[in-house]
Amino acid sequence: MTQIEQARAGTISPEMEAVARDEHLEAEQVREEVARGRMVIPANRVHVAKGLHPVGIGIACRTKINANLGNSPLASDSECELEKVRCAVKYGADTVMDLSTGTEIDAIRQRIIDATTVPVGTVPIYQMAEQLDDITDMRAQDFLDVVEHQASQGVDYMTVHCALLREHLPLVDNRLTGIVSRGGSLVAKWMVTHREQNPLYTHFDALCEIMRDYDVTWSLGDGLRPGSIHDASDEAQFAELRVMGALALRAWERGCQVMIEGPGHVPMDQIEMNVRRQIECCDEAPFYVLGPIVTDVAPGYDHITSAIGAAMAAWYGAAMLCYVTPKEHLGLPNPDDVRQGVVAYRIAA
């Protein structure tokens, strides 16, 4: 049984007990929060067996932060990425996401999972893009195979852009910055080429089966997140959010844990509305936000501009903050950029 299935059955799992101790909560309260879907404990059974320290993500817990990192074929290597992981955890990251690209991503991911006790997340379509000459060659089974493989390695939560639908694409025509999510743009290219619905949406139930088998937590990706404050809170963003809410219900019905990813660029006066809209649309599923960055005019200092938005989002109910480093918009972060991003977000949290 997954964490949410155990919670609904009235069982307090060892992972729930560990979260209760860390959060100074009653174990029964943790169980209740997990059962209603308002808290997740990303804990892949494979990673648990290797010594994962469970982390609770939800409004009843302290605000969590995630650190993105990952190898690039143009810079960095596995040793550098492990150094970033150690740095992120040392300075307070509660989870890490491996966004590696290139030929060695399998080995790097495995080394990260084996080396850390914090939950590890991924974006499976990145590996799919590496395996194919063109993402439009992807078949649904190809993607399912990648998700199954990463789950078998011990990945605790996965960002999958299931809620970006073909009918949403015309809604971005008037945007200043279009689709800035890499995963979102890959899915959009596939739909435009094939003139078919998002295969990650049409095969959502099959994906749920894999997630449930390993107790991988969904992190429903926001492929239409705004890439500038000009585009914040537009119809494209909220159309996708409504689908996320519907998919969260389906995932819960199938025994899966769910988080919802949130927008990247939002001006300060719209942050409260965005958080409250997510809580309403997604039945209080934990909200996991990138930033949000509150102004577009400070490249090189976006760990600061986004920490402002992050603190506000957490105040209004976001459960986990995805850090931003000084290299956001500029390049691949080095270990010192990781340190600066984590410190800024630990302060915000």
Protein backbone atom coordinates (compact mmCIF):
# COMPACT_ATOMS: atom_id res chain seq x y z
CA MET A 1 0.00 0.00 0.00
CA THR A 2 1.11 3.55 -0.74
CA GLN A 3 1.36 6.18 1.97
CA ILE A 4 -2.03 7.62 1.08
CA GLU A 5 -3.64 4.16 0.98
CA GLN A 6 -2.21 3.27 4.39
CA ALA A 7 -3.39 6.60 5.79
CA ARG A 8 -6.90 6.08 4.46
CA ALA A 9 -6.94 2.59 5.97
CA GLY A 10 -6.15 4.08 9.38
CA THR A 11 -2.54 2.86 9.43
CA ILE A 12 0.29 5.08 10.67
CA SER A 13 3.32 4.04 8.63
CA PRO A 14 6.93 4.29 9.86
CA GLU A 15 7.36 7.18 7.40
CA MET A 16 4.41 9.03 8.95
CA GLU A 17 5.89 8.46 12.41
CA ALA A 18 9.23 9.88 11.24
CA VAL A 19 7.55 12.96 9.78
CA ALA A 20 5.58 13.46 13.01
CA ARG A 21 8.81 13.43 15.04
CA ASP A 22 10.56 15.88 12.71
CA GLU A 23 7.60 18.25 12.54
CA HIS A 24 6.63 18.02 16.23
CA LEU A 25 3.17 16.83 15.24
CA GLU A 26 0.99 14.02 16.47
CA ALA A 27 1.32 10.95 14.28
CA GLU A 28 -2.45 10.82 13.91
CA GLN A 29 -2.46 14.36 12.51
CA VAL A 30 0.11 13.37 9.91
CA ARG A 31 -1.99 10.35 8.96
CA GLU A 32 -5.09 12.51 8.61
CA GLU A 33 -3.27 15.05 6.43
CA VAL A 34 -1.84 12.36 4.16
CA ALA A 35 -5.24 10.63 3.93
CA ARG A 36 -6.96 13.77 2.71
CA GLY A 37 -4.17 14.51 0.21
CA ARG A 38 -3.10 17.72 1.92
CA MET A 39 0.32 16.27 2.79
CA VAL A 40 2.62 14.05 0.78
CA ILE A 41 5.56 11.93 1.92
CA PRO A 42 7.64 11.26 -1.22
CA ALA A 43 9.12 7.87 -0.35
CA ASN A 44 9.80 5.46 -3.17
CA ARG A 45 10.01 1.98 -1.69
CA VAL A 46 13.39 1.44 -3.38
CA HIS A 47 14.85 4.60 -1.83
CA VAL A 48 13.33 3.76 1.55
CA ALA A 49 15.21 0.47 1.50
CA LYS A 50 18.43 2.41 0.88
CA GLY A 51 17.95 4.70 3.87
CA LEU A 52 15.68 7.53 2.77
CA HIS A 53 14.79 9.95 5.58
CA PRO A 54 11.07 10.69 5.02
CA VAL A 55 10.00 14.29 4.50
CA GLY A 56 6.46 15.63 4.87
CA ILE A 57 5.33 18.29 2.40
CA GLY A 58 2.09 20.06 3.22
CA ILE A 59 0.59 23.08 4.92
CA ALA A 60 0.65 21.39 8.36
CA CYS A 61 4.45 21.04 8.09
CA ARG A 62 7.20 23.62 8.05
CA THR A 63 7.78 25.08 4.59
CA LYS A 64 10.12 22.88 2.55
CA ILE A 65 12.64 23.88 -0.12
CA ASN A 66 13.88 21.99 -3.15
CA ALA A 67 17.18 22.46 -4.97
CA ASN A 68 17.37 21.76 -8.71
CA LEU A 69 20.69 20.55 -10.09
CA GLY A 70 21.92 18.33 -12.87
CA ASN A 71 24.67 17.51 -15.28
CA SER A 72 24.97 19.11 -18.71
CA PRO A 73 26.99 17.74 -21.64
CA LEU A 74 28.46 21.23 -21.96
CA ALA A 75 29.49 21.65 -18.34
CA SER A 76 29.79 19.72 -15.08
CA ASP A 77 30.11 15.97 -14.46
CA SER A 78 28.87 13.43 -11.93
CA GLU A 79 31.38 14.43 -9.28
CA CYS A 80 30.40 18.08 -9.59
CA GLU A 81 26.71 17.18 -9.32
CA LEU A 82 27.35 15.12 -6.19
CA GLU A 83 29.20 18.09 -4.74
CA LYS A 84 26.13 20.24 -5.48
CA VAL A 85 23.87 17.67 -3.79
CA ARG A 86 26.05 17.64 -0.68
CA CYS A 87 26.17 21.45 -0.67
CA ALA A 88 22.38 21.76 -1.08
CA VAL A 89 21.64 19.35 1.75
CA LYS A 90 24.28 20.90 4.01
CA TYR A 91 22.67 24.33 3.72
CA GLY A 92 19.11 23.13 4.19
CA ALA A 93 17.51 21.68 1.05
CA ASP A 94 14.73 19.26 2.00
CA THR A 95 14.64 17.61 -1.44
CA VAL A 96 16.72 17.73 -4.62
CA MET A 97 15.72 17.34 -8.26
CA ASP A 98 18.11 15.80 -10.78
CA LEU A 99 17.55 17.58 -14.12
CA SER A 100 20.59 16.07 -15.83
CA THR A 101 20.96 15.89 -19.60
CA GLY A 102 23.54 14.14 -21.75
CA THR A 103 24.68 10.53 -22.07
CA GLU A 104 25.42 9.69 -18.43
CA ILE A 105 22.14 10.70 -16.83
CA ASP A 106 21.24 7.17 -15.69
CA ALA A 107 24.50 6.73 -13.82
CA ILE A 108 24.40 10.24 -12.35
CA ARG A 109 20.82 9.76 -11.12
CA GLN A 110 21.70 6.48 -9.50
CA ARG A 111 24.72 7.99 -7.76
CA ILE A 112 22.58 10.86 -6.43
CA ILE A 113 19.87 8.51 -5.13
CA ASP A 114 22.46 6.24 -3.52
CA ALA A 115 24.35 9.14 -1.96
CA THR A 116 21.53 11.09 -0.35
CA THR A 117 18.83 10.41 2.22
CA VAL A 118 16.58 13.30 1.10
CA PRO A 119 13.82 12.69 -1.47
CA VAL A 120 14.97 12.91 -5.09
CA GLY A 121 12.80 14.19 -7.95
CA THR A 122 13.15 14.10 -11.73
CA VAL A 123 11.49 15.26 -14.95
CA PRO A 124 11.29 12.02 -16.99
CA ILE A 125 10.67 13.72 -20.33
CA TYR A 126 14.22 15.11 -20.15
CA GLN A 127 15.59 11.58 -20.41
CA MET A 128 13.06 10.81 -23.14
CA ALA A 129 14.41 13.77 -25.14
CA GLU A 130 17.97 12.49 -24.72
CA GLN A 131 17.06 9.02 -25.99
CA LEU A 132 15.37 10.25 -29.17
CA ASP A 133 16.67 12.28 -32.10
CA ASP A 134 13.41 14.23 -31.99
CA ILE A 135 10.76 14.27 -29.25
CA THR A 136 8.10 13.85 -31.94
CA ASP A 137 9.35 10.27 -32.37
CA MET A 138 8.14 9.47 -28.84
CA ARG A 139 5.50 6.79 -28.41
CA ALA A 140 3.45 6.63 -25.25
CA GLN A 141 5.05 3.31 -24.31
CA ASP A 142 8.49 4.90 -24.62
CA PHE A 143 7.55 7.41 -21.94
CA LEU A 144 5.97 4.78 -19.71
CA ASP A 145 9.19 2.76 -19.94
CA VAL A 146 11.31 5.74 -18.87
CA VAL A 147 9.02 6.43 -15.89
CA GLU A 148 9.16 2.77 -14.86
CA HIS A 149 12.95 2.74 -15.16
CA GLN A 150 13.41 5.89 -13.06
CA ALA A 151 10.97 4.57 -10.46
CA SER A 152 12.94 1.33 -10.25
CA GLN A 153 16.08 3.38 -9.52
CA GLY A 154 14.38 4.96 -6.50
CA VAL A 155 13.12 8.36 -7.68
CA ASP A 156 10.70 9.68 -5.05
CA TYR A 157 8.69 12.22 -7.05
CA MET A 158 8.36 13.05 -10.73
CA THR A 159 7.32 16.13 -12.65
CA VAL A 160 5.12 15.09 -15.56
CA HIS A 161 3.36 17.62 -17.78
CA CYS A 162 0.05 15.77 -18.08
CA ALA A 163 -2.27 18.76 -17.85
CA LEU A 164 -1.12 20.73 -20.91
CA LEU A 165 -3.77 19.92 -23.49
CA ARG A 166 -3.89 20.50 -27.21
CA GLU A 167 -6.76 22.97 -26.82
CA HIS A 168 -4.59 25.11 -24.53
CA LEU A 169 -2.00 25.90 -27.19
CA PRO A 170 -3.88 28.80 -28.87
CA LEU A 171 -4.09 30.48 -25.45
CA VAL A 172 -0.35 31.24 -25.51
CA ASP A 173 -0.44 33.12 -28.83
CA ASN A 174 -0.64 36.53 -27.17
CA ARG A 175 2.06 35.85 -24.58
CA LEU A 176 5.23 37.86 -24.46
CA THR A 177 7.37 34.83 -23.60
CA GLY A 178 5.29 31.90 -24.87
CA ILE A 179 5.98 28.48 -23.36
CA VAL A 180 9.13 28.65 -21.21
CA SER A 181 8.85 25.25 -19.53
CA ARG A 182 11.20 22.84 -21.30
CA GLY A 183 8.90 19.91 -20.57
CA GLY A 184 5.90 21.94 -21.66
CA SER A 185 7.54 22.93 -24.93
CA LEU A 186 8.49 19.31 -25.70
CA VAL A 187 4.91 18.17 -25.13
CA ALA A 188 3.57 21.08 -27.19
CA LYS A 189 5.88 20.21 -30.10
CA TRP A 190 4.66 16.60 -30.01
CA MET A 191 1.00 17.68 -30.09
CA VAL A 192 1.51 20.19 -32.91
CA THR A 193 3.37 17.65 -35.03
CA HIS A 194 0.96 14.76 -34.51
CA ARG A 195 -2.23 16.85 -34.21
CA GLU A 196 -3.21 14.63 -31.31
CA GLN A 197 -3.91 15.05 -27.60
CA ASN A 198 -1.07 15.05 -25.06
CA PRO A 199 -0.10 11.36 -24.69
CA LEU A 200 0.87 11.94 -21.06
CA TYR A 201 -2.75 12.97 -20.45
CA THR A 202 -4.34 10.16 -22.44
CA HIS A 203 -2.14 7.58 -20.66
CA PHE A 204 -2.52 9.12 -17.21
CA ASP A 205 -4.09 6.01 -15.68
CA ALA A 206 -1.22 3.83 -16.92
CA LEU A 207 1.24 6.28 -15.39
CA CYS A 208 -0.70 6.10 -12.11
CA GLU A 209 -0.21 2.33 -12.06
CA ILE A 210 3.57 2.76 -12.20
CA MET A 211 3.55 5.54 -9.61
CA ARG A 212 1.45 3.42 -7.27
CA ASP A 213 3.64 0.33 -7.69
CA TYR A 214 6.67 2.21 -6.30
CA ASP A 215 4.80 4.91 -4.32
CA VAL A 216 6.28 7.67 -6.45
CA THR A 217 4.62 11.02 -5.72
CA TRP A 218 3.13 12.93 -8.62
CA SER A 219 4.39 16.46 -9.10
CA LEU A 220 1.95 17.60 -11.75
CA GLY A 221 4.04 19.92 -13.92
CA ASP A 222 2.94 23.36 -15.04
CA GLY A 223 3.98 23.36 -18.69
CA LEU A 224 2.22 26.69 -19.20
CA ARG A 225 3.77 28.52 -16.26
CA PRO A 226 4.34 32.20 -17.08
CA GLY A 227 7.90 33.13 -18.04
CA SER A 228 7.43 36.84 -17.38
CA ILE A 229 5.23 38.91 -15.13
CA HIS A 230 3.51 40.16 -18.29
CA ASP A 231 2.12 36.66 -18.83
CA ALA A 232 1.26 35.88 -15.20
CA SER A 233 -2.25 34.74 -14.30
CA ASP A 234 -3.44 34.43 -17.89
CA GLU A 235 -6.04 32.03 -19.23
CA ALA A 236 -3.43 29.52 -20.42
CA GLN A 237 -1.99 29.18 -16.93
CA PHE A 238 -5.36 28.73 -15.26
CA ALA A 239 -6.76 26.42 -17.95
CA GLU A 240 -3.90 24.03 -17.22
CA LEU A 241 -4.42 24.46 -13.46
CA ARG A 242 -8.04 23.32 -13.77
CA VAL A 243 -6.90 20.15 -15.52
CA MET A 244 -4.32 19.61 -12.78
CA GLY A 245 -7.11 19.67 -10.24
CA ALA A 246 -9.08 17.04 -12.14
CA LEU A 247 -5.99 14.85 -12.51
CA ALA A 248 -5.21 15.13 -8.80
CA LEU A 249 -8.62 13.61 -8.04
CA ARG A 250 -7.95 10.77 -10.48
CA ALA A 251 -4.53 10.11 -8.97
CA TRP A 252 -5.97 10.02 -5.45
CA GLU A 253 -8.63 7.55 -6.60
CA ARG A 254 -5.80 5.31 -7.84
CA GLY A 255 -3.86 5.42 -4.59
CA CYS A 256 -1.21 7.96 -5.61
CA GLN A 257 0.17 10.96 -3.75
CA VAL A 258 0.05 14.31 -5.57
CA MET A 259 1.73 17.71 -5.50
CA ILE A 260 0.88 20.58 -7.86
CA GLU A 261 3.62 22.71 -9.41
CA GLY A 262 3.14 26.45 -9.54
CA PRO A 263 4.03 29.49 -11.62
CA GLY A 264 7.50 30.92 -12.08
CA HIS A 265 6.94 34.66 -12.68
CA VAL A 266 4.16 36.40 -10.72
CA PRO A 267 4.08 40.06 -9.56
CA MET A 268 3.66 40.59 -5.83
CA ASP A 269 0.05 41.75 -6.03
CA GLN A 270 -1.03 38.47 -7.70
CA ILE A 271 0.69 35.93 -5.45
CA GLU A 272 -2.08 35.55 -2.87
CA MET A 273 -4.67 35.11 -5.60
CA ASN A 274 -2.55 32.47 -7.33
CA VAL A 275 -2.07 30.41 -4.17
CA ARG A 276 -5.74 30.62 -3.22
CA ARG A 277 -6.77 29.67 -6.77
CA GLN A 278 -4.58 26.57 -6.61
CA ILE A 279 -5.96 25.55 -3.21
CA GLU A 280 -9.49 25.86 -4.58
CA CYS A 281 -8.87 24.16 -7.95
CA CYS A 282 -6.78 21.31 -6.59
CA ASP A 283 -8.63 20.43 -3.37
CA GLU A 284 -5.75 21.57 -1.14
CA ALA A 285 -3.11 19.30 -2.71
CA PRO A 286 0.33 20.62 -1.66
CA PHE A 287 1.48 23.53 -3.82
CA TYR A 288 5.10 23.44 -5.02
CA VAL A 289 6.15 26.79 -6.48
CA LEU A 290 9.14 27.94 -8.53
CA GLY A 291 9.91 31.26 -6.86
CA PRO A 292 7.81 33.01 -7.91
CA ILE A 293 10.04 35.70 -9.39
CA VAL A 294 8.36 39.04 -8.75
CA THR A 295 10.23 41.20 -11.28
CA ASP A 296 11.91 40.42 -14.60
CA VAL A 297 14.56 43.15 -14.40
CA ALA A 298 17.20 41.62 -12.11
CA PRO A 299 19.06 38.79 -13.90
CA GLY A 300 21.94 37.66 -11.75
CA TYR A 301 19.97 38.44 -8.60
CA ASP A 302 16.94 36.24 -9.17
CA HIS A 303 17.67 34.24 -6.01
CA ILE A 304 16.69 37.49 -4.27
CA THR A 305 13.72 38.54 -6.42
CA SER A 306 12.31 35.02 -6.25
CA ALA A 307 12.90 34.61 -2.51
CA ILE A 308 10.62 37.62 -2.01
CA GLY A 309 7.87 35.86 -3.94
CA ALA A 310 8.65 32.56 -2.24
CA ALA A 311 8.19 33.98 1.25
CA MET A 312 4.87 35.50 0.23
CA ALA A 313 3.68 32.28 -1.45
CA ALA A 314 4.58 30.25 1.64
CA TRP A 315 2.73 32.72 3.86
CA TYR A 316 -0.42 32.26 1.79
CA GLY A 317 -0.19 28.45 1.79
CA ALA A 318 2.47 27.08 -0.59
CA ALA A 319 3.99 23.90 0.87
CA MET A 320 7.34 23.70 -0.93
CA LEU A 321 9.52 26.29 -2.61
CA CYS A 322 11.73 25.42 -5.56
CA TYR A 323 14.86 27.49 -5.17
CA VAL A 324 16.28 29.84 -7.78
CA THR A 325 20.01 30.54 -8.03
CA PRO A 326 21.90 33.63 -9.24
CA LYS A 327 22.39 31.77 -12.55
CA GLU A 328 18.65 31.61 -13.32
CA HIS A 329 18.20 32.82 -16.92
CA LEU A 330 21.99 33.01 -17.34
CA GLY A 331 23.63 29.58 -17.14
CA LEU A 332 24.21 26.34 -15.26
CA PRO A 333 24.71 26.89 -11.51
CA ASN A 334 28.01 25.95 -9.90
CA PRO A 335 28.27 24.78 -6.26
CA ASP A 336 28.49 28.34 -4.94
CA ASP A 337 25.36 29.32 -6.87
CA VAL A 338 23.62 26.34 -5.29
CA ARG A 339 24.74 27.48 -1.84
CA GLN A 340 23.46 31.03 -2.45
CA GLY A 341 20.12 29.75 -3.76
CA VAL A 342 19.58 27.37 -0.85
CA VAL A 343 20.52 29.99 1.75
CA ALA A 344 18.16 32.56 0.20
CA TYR A 345 15.32 30.03 0.17
CA ARG A 346 16.00 28.74 3.65
CA ILE A 347 15.58 32.37 4.80
CA ALA A 348 12.39 32.72 2.77
CA ALA A 349 10.98 29.48 4.17
